[in-house]
Amino acid sequence: MTVHTDQASLRPFQRQRFARLPELPTRPHPYFASTPHELEMDSASLGPVRVHYREYGSGAPLLLIHGLMTTGYSWRYVLDGLGARFRLIVPDLPGNGRSSQPAVRLSAPAMAAWIGEFQTALGLRGCAAVGNSLGGYLIMRHALADPGAFSRLVDIHAPAFPVARMRALHAALSLPGAASGFGWWVRRDTTRWAHRIVHYYDDTLRSRRPASTAPR
């Protein structure tokens, strides 16, 4: 595995070139030391779904919800710090990572409702939660629908309302054939697509492993 010395000069959120991404992480993390679980759910919002989630640490439960084009693996570098105080529950959202792909559309209302169903299945209603990007948006929606869902909520880099470019993208994908064409384009090289879309504050933490677990 080759680490390029000029990576140290990267600015915050500056992406290194895809060709320079190492195959495996260059810094240790405890993700694969966490306990894996598979949960079969008959979700009212998504239908039958198999959910992969991990547990790590001890203490009061803390739910970690990842963002778009990532998985629970994206929390790998904060597990030790948070796990020293909390029992971390880290799911792959339905349609992502090792969780199954539901047969219905993964809309924001359905995914937010699913978070509540996941909490109920594990006895986590009223727990603290942290959501990143899309995950933050989903837990905010769920908190508004069920004020008792979380004792505390931390939202990282999530939009409160759709911005203009989101509305433009939605309009473009609503054109006949646009969604299927866009899906084909992404599937040509999902690893490279995830590299372009997912941003890191410190891009030297990135490797091809998390990109390879992009949504199916």
N, C-alpha and C. Protein backbone atom coordinates (compact mmCIF):
# COMPACT_ATOMS: atom_id res chain seq x y z
N MET A 1 0.85 -1.19 0.00
CA MET A 1 0.00 0.00 0.00
C MET A 1 0.89 1.24 0.00
N THR A 2 0.67 2.15 -0.93
CA THR A 2 1.50 3.33 -1.07
C THR A 2 0.78 4.54 -0.51
N VAL A 3 1.46 5.31 0.33
CA VAL A 3 0.91 6.56 0.85
C VAL A 3 1.74 7.69 0.27
N HIS A 4 1.13 8.63 -0.38
CA HIS A 4 1.84 9.73 -1.04
C HIS A 4 2.06 10.86 -0.05
N THR A 5 3.28 11.33 0.04
CA THR A 5 3.62 12.34 1.05
C THR A 5 2.92 13.66 0.81
N ASP A 6 2.54 13.98 -0.43
CA ASP A 6 1.91 15.27 -0.68
C ASP A 6 0.47 15.30 -0.19
N GLN A 7 -0.08 14.18 0.32
CA GLN A 7 -1.42 14.19 0.89
C GLN A 7 -1.49 15.11 2.11
N ALA A 8 -0.38 15.27 2.81
CA ALA A 8 -0.38 16.09 4.02
C ALA A 8 -0.70 17.54 3.72
N SER A 9 -0.54 17.99 2.47
CA SER A 9 -0.78 19.37 2.10
C SER A 9 -2.22 19.63 1.66
N LEU A 10 -3.08 18.64 1.70
CA LEU A 10 -4.46 18.82 1.28
C LEU A 10 -5.18 19.80 2.19
N ARG A 11 -5.98 20.67 1.59
CA ARG A 11 -6.82 21.59 2.37
C ARG A 11 -8.05 20.85 2.86
N PRO A 12 -8.74 21.37 3.90
CA PRO A 12 -9.99 20.74 4.34
C PRO A 12 -10.97 20.58 3.19
N PHE A 13 -11.54 19.38 3.06
CA PHE A 13 -12.51 19.01 2.03
C PHE A 13 -11.93 18.96 0.62
N GLN A 14 -10.61 19.11 0.48
CA GLN A 14 -10.01 18.96 -0.84
C GLN A 14 -9.84 17.47 -1.15
N ARG A 15 -10.38 17.02 -2.30
CA ARG A 15 -10.28 15.62 -2.67
C ARG A 15 -8.95 15.34 -3.36
N GLN A 16 -8.32 14.23 -2.98
CA GLN A 16 -7.17 13.75 -3.73
C GLN A 16 -7.66 13.03 -4.98
N ARG A 17 -6.78 12.80 -5.92
CA ARG A 17 -7.18 12.14 -7.15
C ARG A 17 -7.57 10.69 -6.88
N PHE A 18 -8.56 10.22 -7.62
CA PHE A 18 -9.07 8.87 -7.43
C PHE A 18 -7.95 7.84 -7.58
N ALA A 19 -7.04 8.06 -8.52
CA ALA A 19 -5.96 7.10 -8.76
C ALA A 19 -5.04 6.95 -7.56
N ARG A 20 -5.05 7.92 -6.66
CA ARG A 20 -4.15 7.87 -5.50
C ARG A 20 -4.82 7.27 -4.26
N LEU A 21 -6.09 6.91 -4.37
CA LEU A 21 -6.75 6.31 -3.20
C LEU A 21 -6.13 4.95 -2.89
N PRO A 22 -5.73 4.72 -1.63
CA PRO A 22 -5.27 3.38 -1.26
C PRO A 22 -6.44 2.41 -1.22
N GLU A 23 -6.18 1.15 -1.45
CA GLU A 23 -7.24 0.14 -1.42
C GLU A 23 -7.82 0.01 -0.02
N LEU A 24 -6.97 0.05 1.01
CA LEU A 24 -7.39 -0.15 2.39
C LEU A 24 -7.02 1.07 3.22
N PRO A 25 -7.66 1.28 4.37
CA PRO A 25 -7.35 2.44 5.22
C PRO A 25 -5.89 2.47 5.63
N THR A 26 -5.34 3.67 5.71
CA THR A 26 -3.96 3.83 6.15
C THR A 26 -3.87 4.08 7.65
N ARG A 27 -5.00 4.25 8.33
CA ARG A 27 -5.02 4.46 9.78
C ARG A 27 -5.96 3.44 10.42
N PRO A 28 -5.60 2.91 11.58
CA PRO A 28 -6.42 1.86 12.19
C PRO A 28 -7.75 2.40 12.72
N HIS A 29 -8.75 1.54 12.76
CA HIS A 29 -10.05 1.88 13.31
C HIS A 29 -10.69 0.58 13.81
N PRO A 30 -11.70 0.68 14.69
CA PRO A 30 -12.26 -0.53 15.30
C PRO A 30 -13.55 -1.05 14.66
N TYR A 31 -13.90 -0.59 13.46
CA TYR A 31 -15.20 -0.96 12.91
C TYR A 31 -15.40 -2.47 12.86
N PHE A 32 -14.40 -3.21 12.41
CA PHE A 32 -14.57 -4.65 12.27
C PHE A 32 -14.42 -5.40 13.59
N ALA A 33 -14.10 -4.65 14.66
CA ALA A 33 -14.14 -5.23 16.00
C ALA A 33 -15.51 -5.05 16.63
N SER A 34 -16.39 -4.28 15.99
CA SER A 34 -17.75 -4.10 16.50
C SER A 34 -18.55 -5.37 16.25
N THR A 35 -19.66 -5.50 16.98
CA THR A 35 -20.49 -6.71 16.89
C THR A 35 -21.53 -6.55 15.79
N PRO A 36 -21.52 -7.44 14.77
CA PRO A 36 -22.49 -7.33 13.68
C PRO A 36 -23.81 -8.01 14.04
N HIS A 37 -24.91 -7.46 13.52
CA HIS A 37 -26.25 -8.04 13.70
C HIS A 37 -27.01 -7.94 12.39
N GLU A 38 -27.95 -8.87 12.20
CA GLU A 38 -28.88 -8.82 11.07
C GLU A 38 -30.29 -8.84 11.65
N LEU A 39 -31.10 -7.88 11.27
CA LEU A 39 -32.46 -7.75 11.78
C LEU A 39 -33.45 -7.84 10.61
N GLU A 40 -34.35 -8.81 10.67
CA GLU A 40 -35.40 -8.94 9.67
C GLU A 40 -36.61 -8.12 10.13
N MET A 41 -37.04 -7.17 9.30
CA MET A 41 -38.14 -6.29 9.66
C MET A 41 -39.25 -6.38 8.62
N ASP A 42 -40.49 -6.29 9.08
CA ASP A 42 -41.63 -6.12 8.19
C ASP A 42 -42.10 -4.69 8.38
N SER A 43 -41.47 -3.79 7.67
CA SER A 43 -41.66 -2.35 7.87
C SER A 43 -42.95 -1.87 7.23
N ALA A 44 -43.71 -1.06 7.98
CA ALA A 44 -44.93 -0.48 7.42
C ALA A 44 -44.60 0.53 6.33
N SER A 45 -43.43 1.15 6.40
CA SER A 45 -43.07 2.18 5.43
C SER A 45 -42.29 1.64 4.23
N LEU A 46 -41.54 0.54 4.42
CA LEU A 46 -40.67 0.02 3.36
C LEU A 46 -40.96 -1.42 2.98
N GLY A 47 -41.81 -2.11 3.72
CA GLY A 47 -42.06 -3.52 3.45
C GLY A 47 -40.98 -4.39 4.08
N PRO A 48 -40.86 -5.64 3.64
CA PRO A 48 -39.84 -6.53 4.21
C PRO A 48 -38.43 -5.99 3.93
N VAL A 49 -37.60 -5.94 4.96
CA VAL A 49 -36.24 -5.44 4.79
C VAL A 49 -35.34 -6.11 5.82
N ARG A 50 -34.16 -6.48 5.37
CA ARG A 50 -33.14 -7.04 6.27
C ARG A 50 -32.12 -5.94 6.55
N VAL A 51 -31.91 -5.65 7.82
CA VAL A 51 -31.06 -4.54 8.22
C VAL A 51 -29.78 -5.06 8.88
N HIS A 52 -28.66 -4.61 8.36
CA HIS A 52 -27.37 -4.89 8.99
C HIS A 52 -27.02 -3.72 9.89
N TYR A 53 -26.67 -4.03 11.15
CA TYR A 53 -26.20 -2.96 12.03
C TYR A 53 -25.10 -3.49 12.93
N ARG A 54 -24.32 -2.56 13.49
CA ARG A 54 -23.21 -2.91 14.36
C ARG A 54 -23.43 -2.30 15.74
N GLU A 55 -22.86 -2.95 16.75
CA GLU A 55 -22.86 -2.41 18.12
C GLU A 55 -21.41 -2.28 18.58
N TYR A 56 -21.16 -1.20 19.34
CA TYR A 56 -19.81 -0.98 19.85
C TYR A 56 -19.89 -0.11 21.10
N GLY A 57 -19.06 -0.42 22.09
CA GLY A 57 -19.00 0.38 23.30
C GLY A 57 -20.02 -0.04 24.34
N SER A 58 -20.11 0.75 25.40
CA SER A 58 -21.04 0.45 26.49
C SER A 58 -21.53 1.75 27.10
N GLY A 59 -22.71 1.67 27.70
CA GLY A 59 -23.34 2.84 28.30
C GLY A 59 -24.73 3.04 27.74
N ALA A 60 -25.23 4.25 27.84
CA ALA A 60 -26.54 4.58 27.27
C ALA A 60 -26.49 4.44 25.76
N PRO A 61 -27.59 4.01 25.11
CA PRO A 61 -27.56 3.82 23.65
C PRO A 61 -27.46 5.14 22.90
N LEU A 62 -26.69 5.12 21.83
CA LEU A 62 -26.54 6.26 20.92
C LEU A 62 -26.65 5.74 19.50
N LEU A 63 -27.64 6.25 18.78
CA LEU A 63 -27.92 5.82 17.41
C LEU A 63 -27.16 6.71 16.44
N LEU A 64 -26.38 6.10 15.53
CA LEU A 64 -25.61 6.84 14.53
C LEU A 64 -26.18 6.54 13.14
N ILE A 65 -26.65 7.57 12.44
CA ILE A 65 -27.27 7.40 11.12
C ILE A 65 -26.39 8.07 10.07
N HIS A 66 -25.94 7.29 9.11
CA HIS A 66 -24.99 7.78 8.10
C HIS A 66 -25.68 8.57 7.00
N GLY A 67 -24.87 9.12 6.09
CA GLY A 67 -25.38 9.98 5.02
C GLY A 67 -25.52 9.26 3.69
N LEU A 68 -25.81 10.05 2.67
CA LEU A 68 -26.02 9.54 1.31
C LEU A 68 -24.73 8.97 0.75
N MET A 69 -24.86 7.86 0.00
CA MET A 69 -23.75 7.21 -0.68
C MET A 69 -22.69 6.67 0.28
N THR A 70 -23.07 6.43 1.54
CA THR A 70 -22.15 5.84 2.50
C THR A 70 -22.88 4.73 3.25
N THR A 71 -22.26 4.21 4.30
CA THR A 71 -22.84 3.17 5.14
C THR A 71 -22.45 3.46 6.59
N GLY A 72 -22.82 2.55 7.49
CA GLY A 72 -22.39 2.70 8.87
C GLY A 72 -20.88 2.71 9.03
N TYR A 73 -20.18 2.18 8.04
CA TYR A 73 -18.71 2.19 8.06
C TYR A 73 -18.15 3.60 8.11
N SER A 74 -18.92 4.59 7.68
CA SER A 74 -18.44 5.97 7.67
C SER A 74 -18.18 6.52 9.07
N TRP A 75 -18.70 5.85 10.11
CA TRP A 75 -18.49 6.29 11.50
C TRP A 75 -17.24 5.67 12.11
N ARG A 76 -16.45 4.95 11.35
CA ARG A 76 -15.38 4.11 11.90
C ARG A 76 -14.38 4.85 12.78
N TYR A 77 -14.07 6.12 12.46
CA TYR A 77 -13.04 6.83 13.20
C TYR A 77 -13.55 7.54 14.45
N VAL A 78 -14.85 7.48 14.72
CA VAL A 78 -15.36 8.06 15.97
C VAL A 78 -15.86 6.98 16.93
N LEU A 79 -15.76 5.70 16.54
CA LEU A 79 -16.30 4.64 17.38
C LEU A 79 -15.59 4.56 18.73
N ASP A 80 -14.28 4.65 18.75
CA ASP A 80 -13.56 4.54 20.02
C ASP A 80 -13.92 5.68 20.97
N GLY A 81 -13.92 6.91 20.46
CA GLY A 81 -14.22 8.05 21.32
C GLY A 81 -15.64 8.01 21.86
N LEU A 82 -16.62 7.78 21.01
CA LEU A 82 -18.01 7.73 21.45
C LEU A 82 -18.31 6.45 22.22
N GLY A 83 -17.68 5.35 21.81
CA GLY A 83 -17.95 4.07 22.48
C GLY A 83 -17.44 4.00 23.91
N ALA A 84 -16.56 4.93 24.29
CA ALA A 84 -16.10 4.98 25.67
C ALA A 84 -17.21 5.44 26.62
N ARG A 85 -18.24 6.09 26.07
CA ARG A 85 -19.33 6.61 26.91
C ARG A 85 -20.71 6.04 26.53
N PHE A 86 -20.84 5.51 25.31
CA PHE A 86 -22.16 5.08 24.84
C PHE A 86 -22.10 3.68 24.22
N ARG A 87 -23.25 3.01 24.23
CA ARG A 87 -23.41 1.79 23.43
C ARG A 87 -23.91 2.24 22.06
N LEU A 88 -23.05 2.15 21.09
CA LEU A 88 -23.33 2.68 19.77
C LEU A 88 -24.13 1.67 18.95
N ILE A 89 -25.19 2.15 18.30
CA ILE A 89 -26.00 1.35 17.38
C ILE A 89 -25.83 1.99 16.01
N VAL A 90 -25.22 1.25 15.07
CA VAL A 90 -24.78 1.84 13.80
C VAL A 90 -25.35 1.03 12.64
N PRO A 91 -26.53 1.39 12.13
CA PRO A 91 -27.12 0.62 11.01
C PRO A 91 -26.61 1.08 9.65
N ASP A 92 -26.65 0.16 8.69
CA ASP A 92 -26.63 0.52 7.27
C ASP A 92 -28.08 0.80 6.89
N LEU A 93 -28.38 1.99 6.42
CA LEU A 93 -29.75 2.30 6.04
C LEU A 93 -30.24 1.33 4.97
N PRO A 94 -31.53 1.02 4.93
CA PRO A 94 -32.06 0.15 3.87
C PRO A 94 -31.63 0.62 2.48
N GLY A 95 -31.19 -0.35 1.66
CA GLY A 95 -30.70 -0.02 0.34
C GLY A 95 -29.24 0.37 0.29
N ASN A 96 -28.57 0.31 1.44
CA ASN A 96 -27.16 0.70 1.53
C ASN A 96 -26.34 -0.39 2.20
N GLY A 97 -25.08 -0.50 1.80
CA GLY A 97 -24.17 -1.42 2.46
C GLY A 97 -24.67 -2.85 2.47
N ARG A 98 -24.69 -3.45 3.67
CA ARG A 98 -25.10 -4.84 3.81
C ARG A 98 -26.60 -5.00 4.08
N SER A 99 -27.34 -3.90 4.17
CA SER A 99 -28.79 -3.99 4.33
C SER A 99 -29.44 -4.24 2.97
N SER A 100 -30.60 -4.87 2.99
CA SER A 100 -31.25 -5.23 1.72
C SER A 100 -31.92 -4.02 1.08
N GLN A 101 -32.21 -4.18 -0.21
CA GLN A 101 -32.89 -3.14 -0.99
C GLN A 101 -34.39 -3.37 -0.95
N PRO A 102 -35.17 -2.48 -0.32
CA PRO A 102 -36.62 -2.66 -0.33
C PRO A 102 -37.19 -2.58 -1.74
N ALA A 103 -38.39 -3.11 -1.90
CA ALA A 103 -39.04 -3.14 -3.21
C ALA A 103 -39.78 -1.84 -3.51
N VAL A 104 -39.77 -0.90 -2.57
CA VAL A 104 -40.49 0.36 -2.75
C VAL A 104 -39.48 1.51 -2.87
N ARG A 105 -39.99 2.67 -3.27
CA ARG A 105 -39.15 3.86 -3.41
C ARG A 105 -38.65 4.32 -2.04
N LEU A 106 -37.37 4.65 -1.96
CA LEU A 106 -36.78 5.09 -0.70
C LEU A 106 -36.96 6.60 -0.54
N SER A 107 -38.19 7.01 -0.26
CA SER A 107 -38.48 8.43 -0.07
C SER A 107 -38.05 8.88 1.32
N ALA A 108 -37.84 10.17 1.49
CA ALA A 108 -37.45 10.71 2.80
C ALA A 108 -38.50 10.41 3.88
N PRO A 109 -39.81 10.61 3.61
CA PRO A 109 -40.80 10.28 4.66
C PRO A 109 -40.76 8.80 5.06
N ALA A 110 -40.60 7.91 4.07
CA ALA A 110 -40.58 6.48 4.37
C ALA A 110 -39.34 6.11 5.17
N MET A 111 -38.19 6.68 4.81
CA MET A 111 -36.95 6.37 5.52
C MET A 111 -36.97 6.93 6.94
N ALA A 112 -37.55 8.12 7.11
CA ALA A 112 -37.66 8.70 8.46
C ALA A 112 -38.57 7.84 9.33
N ALA A 113 -39.68 7.38 8.76
CA ALA A 113 -40.58 6.50 9.51
C ALA A 113 -39.89 5.19 9.85
N TRP A 114 -39.06 4.69 8.94
CA TRP A 114 -38.33 3.44 9.21
C TRP A 114 -37.41 3.59 10.41
N ILE A 115 -36.80 4.75 10.59
CA ILE A 115 -35.93 4.95 11.75
C ILE A 115 -36.71 4.71 13.04
N GLY A 116 -37.95 5.20 13.10
CA GLY A 116 -38.77 4.95 14.26
C GLY A 116 -39.08 3.48 14.45
N GLU A 117 -39.33 2.77 13.36
CA GLU A 117 -39.59 1.33 13.43
C GLU A 117 -38.35 0.57 13.90
N PHE A 118 -37.19 1.00 13.44
CA PHE A 118 -35.93 0.38 13.87
C PHE A 118 -35.72 0.61 15.36
N GLN A 119 -35.99 1.83 15.82
CA GLN A 119 -35.89 2.11 17.26
C GLN A 119 -36.81 1.19 18.06
N THR A 120 -38.05 1.06 17.62
CA THR A 120 -39.02 0.23 18.33
C THR A 120 -38.56 -1.22 18.37
N ALA A 121 -38.04 -1.73 17.26
CA ALA A 121 -37.59 -3.12 17.18
C ALA A 121 -36.47 -3.41 18.17
N LEU A 122 -35.62 -2.41 18.44
CA LEU A 122 -34.48 -2.61 19.33
C LEU A 122 -34.69 -2.00 20.71
N GLY A 123 -35.88 -1.46 20.96
CA GLY A 123 -36.14 -0.84 22.25
C GLY A 123 -35.34 0.42 22.48
N LEU A 124 -35.19 1.23 21.43
CA LEU A 124 -34.33 2.42 21.50
C LEU A 124 -35.09 3.74 21.51
N ARG A 125 -36.42 3.71 21.54
CA ARG A 125 -37.16 4.97 21.52
C ARG A 125 -36.76 5.81 22.74
N GLY A 126 -36.47 7.07 22.48
CA GLY A 126 -36.01 7.96 23.54
C GLY A 126 -34.51 8.03 23.68
N CYS A 127 -33.77 7.32 22.82
CA CYS A 127 -32.31 7.35 22.89
C CYS A 127 -31.77 8.64 22.29
N ALA A 128 -30.49 8.90 22.49
CA ALA A 128 -29.81 10.00 21.80
C ALA A 128 -29.44 9.54 20.39
N ALA A 129 -29.27 10.50 19.48
CA ALA A 129 -28.96 10.15 18.08
C ALA A 129 -28.08 11.22 17.45
N VAL A 130 -27.24 10.75 16.53
CA VAL A 130 -26.43 11.65 15.70
C VAL A 130 -26.66 11.25 14.25
N GLY A 131 -26.95 12.24 13.40
CA GLY A 131 -27.14 11.97 11.99
C GLY A 131 -26.25 12.86 11.15
N ASN A 132 -25.63 12.28 10.13
CA ASN A 132 -24.75 13.04 9.24
C ASN A 132 -25.41 13.21 7.88
N SER A 133 -25.45 14.44 7.38
CA SER A 133 -25.94 14.73 6.03
C SER A 133 -27.37 14.19 5.87
N LEU A 134 -27.60 13.27 4.94
CA LEU A 134 -28.94 12.70 4.77
C LEU A 134 -29.44 12.10 6.08
N GLY A 135 -28.55 11.46 6.83
CA GLY A 135 -28.95 10.89 8.12
C GLY A 135 -29.46 11.94 9.09
N GLY A 136 -28.82 13.12 9.08
CA GLY A 136 -29.30 14.22 9.92
C GLY A 136 -30.67 14.70 9.50
N TYR A 137 -30.90 14.78 8.19
CA TYR A 137 -32.21 15.19 7.68
C TYR A 137 -33.29 14.20 8.08
N LEU A 138 -32.97 12.91 8.01
CA LEU A 138 -33.96 11.88 8.34
C LEU A 138 -34.31 11.89 9.82
N ILE A 139 -33.30 12.05 10.69
CA ILE A 139 -33.64 12.05 12.12
C ILE A 139 -34.37 13.33 12.51
N MET A 140 -34.10 14.44 11.82
CA MET A 140 -34.88 15.66 12.08
C MET A 140 -36.34 15.45 11.70
N ARG A 141 -36.58 14.84 10.54
CA ARG A 141 -37.95 14.57 10.12
C ARG A 141 -38.65 13.67 11.13
N HIS A 142 -37.93 12.63 11.58
CA HIS A 142 -38.55 11.71 12.53
C HIS A 142 -38.82 12.39 13.86
N ALA A 143 -37.92 13.26 14.30
CA ALA A 143 -38.12 13.98 15.56
C ALA A 143 -39.34 14.90 15.49
N LEU A 144 -39.56 15.51 14.33
CA LEU A 144 -40.74 16.37 14.17
C LEU A 144 -42.03 15.55 14.18
N ALA A 145 -41.96 14.34 13.61
CA ALA A 145 -43.14 13.48 13.58
C ALA A 145 -43.40 12.82 14.93
N ASP A 146 -42.35 12.59 15.71
CA ASP A 146 -42.47 11.92 17.01
C ASP A 146 -41.54 12.63 17.99
N PRO A 147 -42.05 13.66 18.69
CA PRO A 147 -41.19 14.45 19.58
C PRO A 147 -40.52 13.64 20.69
N GLY A 148 -41.02 12.47 21.02
CA GLY A 148 -40.41 11.66 22.06
C GLY A 148 -39.42 10.64 21.53
N ALA A 149 -39.10 10.71 20.24
CA ALA A 149 -38.24 9.69 19.64
C ALA A 149 -36.82 9.74 20.18
N PHE A 150 -36.31 10.96 20.45
CA PHE A 150 -34.92 11.12 20.86
C PHE A 150 -34.82 11.98 22.12
N SER A 151 -33.90 11.60 23.00
CA SER A 151 -33.63 12.44 24.17
C SER A 151 -32.77 13.63 23.78
N ARG A 152 -31.81 13.39 22.89
CA ARG A 152 -30.96 14.44 22.33
C ARG A 152 -30.70 14.10 20.87
N LEU A 153 -30.45 15.13 20.08
CA LEU A 153 -30.26 14.93 18.66
C LEU A 153 -29.16 15.86 18.18
N VAL A 154 -28.19 15.30 17.47
CA VAL A 154 -27.12 16.09 16.85
C VAL A 154 -27.21 15.91 15.35
N ASP A 155 -27.34 17.02 14.64
CA ASP A 155 -27.46 17.01 13.17
C ASP A 155 -26.18 17.60 12.59
N ILE A 156 -25.48 16.82 11.76
CA ILE A 156 -24.23 17.26 11.16
C ILE A 156 -24.43 17.48 9.66
N HIS A 157 -24.33 18.73 9.23
CA HIS A 157 -24.26 19.04 7.79
C HIS A 157 -25.47 18.51 7.03
N ALA A 158 -26.66 18.76 7.55
CA ALA A 158 -27.88 18.31 6.86
C ALA A 158 -28.72 19.52 6.46
N PRO A 159 -29.36 19.49 5.30
CA PRO A 159 -30.22 20.60 4.89
C PRO A 159 -31.54 20.57 5.67
N ALA A 160 -32.00 21.74 6.08
CA ALA A 160 -33.32 21.81 6.71
C ALA A 160 -34.42 21.81 5.66
N PHE A 161 -34.14 22.41 4.51
CA PHE A 161 -35.11 22.50 3.42
C PHE A 161 -34.39 22.20 2.10
N PRO A 162 -35.11 21.69 1.10
CA PRO A 162 -34.47 21.45 -0.21
C PRO A 162 -33.94 22.76 -0.80
N VAL A 163 -32.68 22.76 -1.21
CA VAL A 163 -32.10 23.95 -1.83
C VAL A 163 -32.38 23.91 -3.32
N ALA A 164 -32.04 25.00 -4.02
CA ALA A 164 -32.41 25.14 -5.43
C ALA A 164 -31.84 24.01 -6.28
N ARG A 165 -30.59 23.60 -6.02
CA ARG A 165 -30.01 22.55 -6.88
C ARG A 165 -30.69 21.20 -6.66
N MET A 166 -31.23 20.98 -5.45
CA MET A 166 -31.98 19.74 -5.20
C MET A 166 -33.28 19.74 -5.99
N ARG A 167 -33.95 20.88 -6.00
CA ARG A 167 -35.20 20.98 -6.76
C ARG A 167 -34.92 20.82 -8.26
N ALA A 168 -33.81 21.40 -8.73
CA ALA A 168 -33.46 21.28 -10.14
C ALA A 168 -33.15 19.82 -10.50
N LEU A 169 -32.42 19.13 -9.61
CA LEU A 169 -32.10 17.72 -9.86
C LEU A 169 -33.37 16.88 -9.87
N HIS A 170 -34.29 17.15 -8.94
CA HIS A 170 -35.55 16.41 -8.90
C HIS A 170 -36.33 16.62 -10.19
N ALA A 171 -36.38 17.86 -10.67
CA ALA A 171 -37.10 18.15 -11.91
C ALA A 171 -36.45 17.43 -13.09
N ALA A 172 -35.11 17.43 -13.13
CA ALA A 172 -34.41 16.78 -14.24
C ALA A 172 -34.64 15.27 -14.23
N LEU A 173 -34.61 14.67 -13.05
CA LEU A 173 -34.79 13.21 -12.96
C LEU A 173 -36.24 12.80 -13.19
N SER A 174 -37.16 13.76 -13.16
CA SER A 174 -38.57 13.45 -13.43
C SER A 174 -38.87 13.34 -14.92
N LEU A 175 -37.92 13.75 -15.77
CA LEU A 175 -38.12 13.66 -17.21
C LEU A 175 -38.12 12.19 -17.64
N PRO A 176 -38.89 11.82 -18.66
CA PRO A 176 -38.95 10.42 -19.10
C PRO A 176 -37.57 9.84 -19.41
N GLY A 177 -37.24 8.73 -18.79
CA GLY A 177 -35.98 8.04 -19.04
C GLY A 177 -34.79 8.60 -18.30
N ALA A 178 -34.94 9.75 -17.65
CA ALA A 178 -33.78 10.38 -17.01
C ALA A 178 -33.27 9.56 -15.83
N ALA A 179 -34.18 9.07 -14.98
CA ALA A 179 -33.76 8.32 -13.80
C ALA A 179 -33.03 7.04 -14.17
N SER A 180 -33.56 6.30 -15.16
CA SER A 180 -32.90 5.05 -15.56
C SER A 180 -31.55 5.34 -16.22
N GLY A 181 -31.47 6.41 -17.00
CA GLY A 181 -30.21 6.77 -17.63
C GLY A 181 -29.17 7.20 -16.60
N PHE A 182 -29.61 7.96 -15.61
CA PHE A 182 -28.71 8.38 -14.55
C PHE A 182 -28.21 7.18 -13.76
N GLY A 183 -29.13 6.23 -13.47
CA GLY A 183 -28.74 5.03 -12.75
C GLY A 183 -27.71 4.22 -13.51
N TRP A 184 -27.89 4.11 -14.83
CA TRP A 184 -26.91 3.39 -15.65
C TRP A 184 -25.55 4.06 -15.59
N TRP A 185 -25.54 5.38 -15.64
CA TRP A 185 -24.28 6.12 -15.63
C TRP A 185 -23.54 5.91 -14.32
N VAL A 186 -24.27 5.94 -13.20
CA VAL A 186 -23.64 5.73 -11.89
C VAL A 186 -23.11 4.31 -11.76
N ARG A 187 -23.89 3.33 -12.23
CA ARG A 187 -23.49 1.93 -12.07
C ARG A 187 -22.29 1.54 -12.93
N ARG A 188 -21.93 2.36 -13.90
CA ARG A 188 -20.75 2.04 -14.70
C ARG A 188 -19.50 1.92 -13.82
N ASP A 189 -19.40 2.77 -12.80
CA ASP A 189 -18.24 2.73 -11.89
C ASP A 189 -18.68 3.36 -10.57
N THR A 190 -19.35 2.57 -9.73
CA THR A 190 -19.91 3.12 -8.48
C THR A 190 -18.82 3.60 -7.53
N THR A 191 -17.66 2.95 -7.54
CA THR A 191 -16.57 3.37 -6.65
C THR A 191 -16.10 4.77 -7.00
N ARG A 192 -15.89 5.03 -8.29
CA ARG A 192 -15.45 6.37 -8.70
C ARG A 192 -16.55 7.41 -8.44
N TRP A 193 -17.83 7.02 -8.64
CA TRP A 193 -18.93 7.95 -8.39
C TRP A 193 -18.99 8.34 -6.91
N ALA A 194 -18.86 7.35 -6.03
CA ALA A 194 -18.89 7.65 -4.59
C ALA A 194 -17.73 8.55 -4.21
N HIS A 195 -16.57 8.35 -4.82
CA HIS A 195 -15.42 9.21 -4.54
C HIS A 195 -15.72 10.67 -4.89
N ARG A 196 -16.45 10.89 -5.96
CA ARG A 196 -16.78 12.25 -6.38
C ARG A 196 -17.83 12.90 -5.48
N ILE A 197 -18.77 12.11 -4.97
CA ILE A 197 -19.92 12.66 -4.26
C ILE A 197 -19.66 12.82 -2.77
N VAL A 198 -18.96 11.88 -2.16
CA VAL A 198 -18.76 11.88 -0.71
C VAL A 198 -17.55 12.74 -0.35
N HIS A 199 -17.73 13.68 0.57
CA HIS A 199 -16.67 14.62 0.95
C HIS A 199 -16.12 14.27 2.33
N TYR A 200 -14.81 14.38 2.47
CA TYR A 200 -14.13 14.21 3.75
C TYR A 200 -13.47 15.53 4.14
N TYR A 201 -13.54 15.88 5.43
CA TYR A 201 -12.77 17.04 5.89
C TYR A 201 -11.28 16.76 5.70
N ASP A 202 -10.85 15.56 6.09
CA ASP A 202 -9.46 15.12 5.90
C ASP A 202 -9.48 13.97 4.90
N ASP A 203 -9.18 14.26 3.65
CA ASP A 203 -9.32 13.26 2.61
C ASP A 203 -8.28 12.15 2.70
N THR A 204 -7.26 12.33 3.55
CA THR A 204 -6.28 11.26 3.72
C THR A 204 -6.87 10.10 4.51
N LEU A 205 -8.05 10.27 5.11
CA LEU A 205 -8.73 9.17 5.79
C LEU A 205 -9.47 8.26 4.82
N ARG A 206 -9.56 8.67 3.58
CA ARG A 206 -10.35 7.94 2.60
C ARG A 206 -9.57 6.77 2.01
N SER A 207 -10.27 5.70 1.72
CA SER A 207 -9.72 4.59 0.96
C SER A 207 -10.82 4.07 0.04
N ARG A 208 -10.52 3.08 -0.78
CA ARG A 208 -11.54 2.56 -1.69
C ARG A 208 -12.51 1.63 -0.98
N ARG A 209 -12.21 1.19 0.25
CA ARG A 209 -13.11 0.28 0.94
C ARG A 209 -14.48 0.89 1.17
N PRO A 210 -14.61 2.11 1.76
CA PRO A 210 -15.97 2.64 1.94
C PRO A 210 -16.66 2.94 0.63
N ALA A 211 -15.91 3.37 -0.39
CA ALA A 211 -16.54 3.63 -1.68
C ALA A 211 -17.11 2.37 -2.28
N SER A 212 -16.47 1.23 -2.01
CA SER A 212 -16.95 -0.03 -2.59
C SER A 212 -18.22 -0.53 -1.95
N THR A 213 -18.65 0.11 -0.84
CA THR A 213 -19.90 -0.28 -0.19
C THR A 213 -20.98 0.77 -0.46
N ALA A 214 -20.88 1.47 -1.58
CA ALA A 214 -21.89 2.45 -1.97
C ALA A 214 -23.24 1.74 -2.18
N PRO A 215 -24.35 2.51 -2.15
CA PRO A 215 -25.67 1.88 -2.32
C PRO A 215 -25.75 1.04 -3.59
N ARG A 216 -26.48 -0.06 -3.50
CA ARG A 216 -26.64 -0.94 -4.65
C ARG A 216 -27.54 -0.28 -5.70
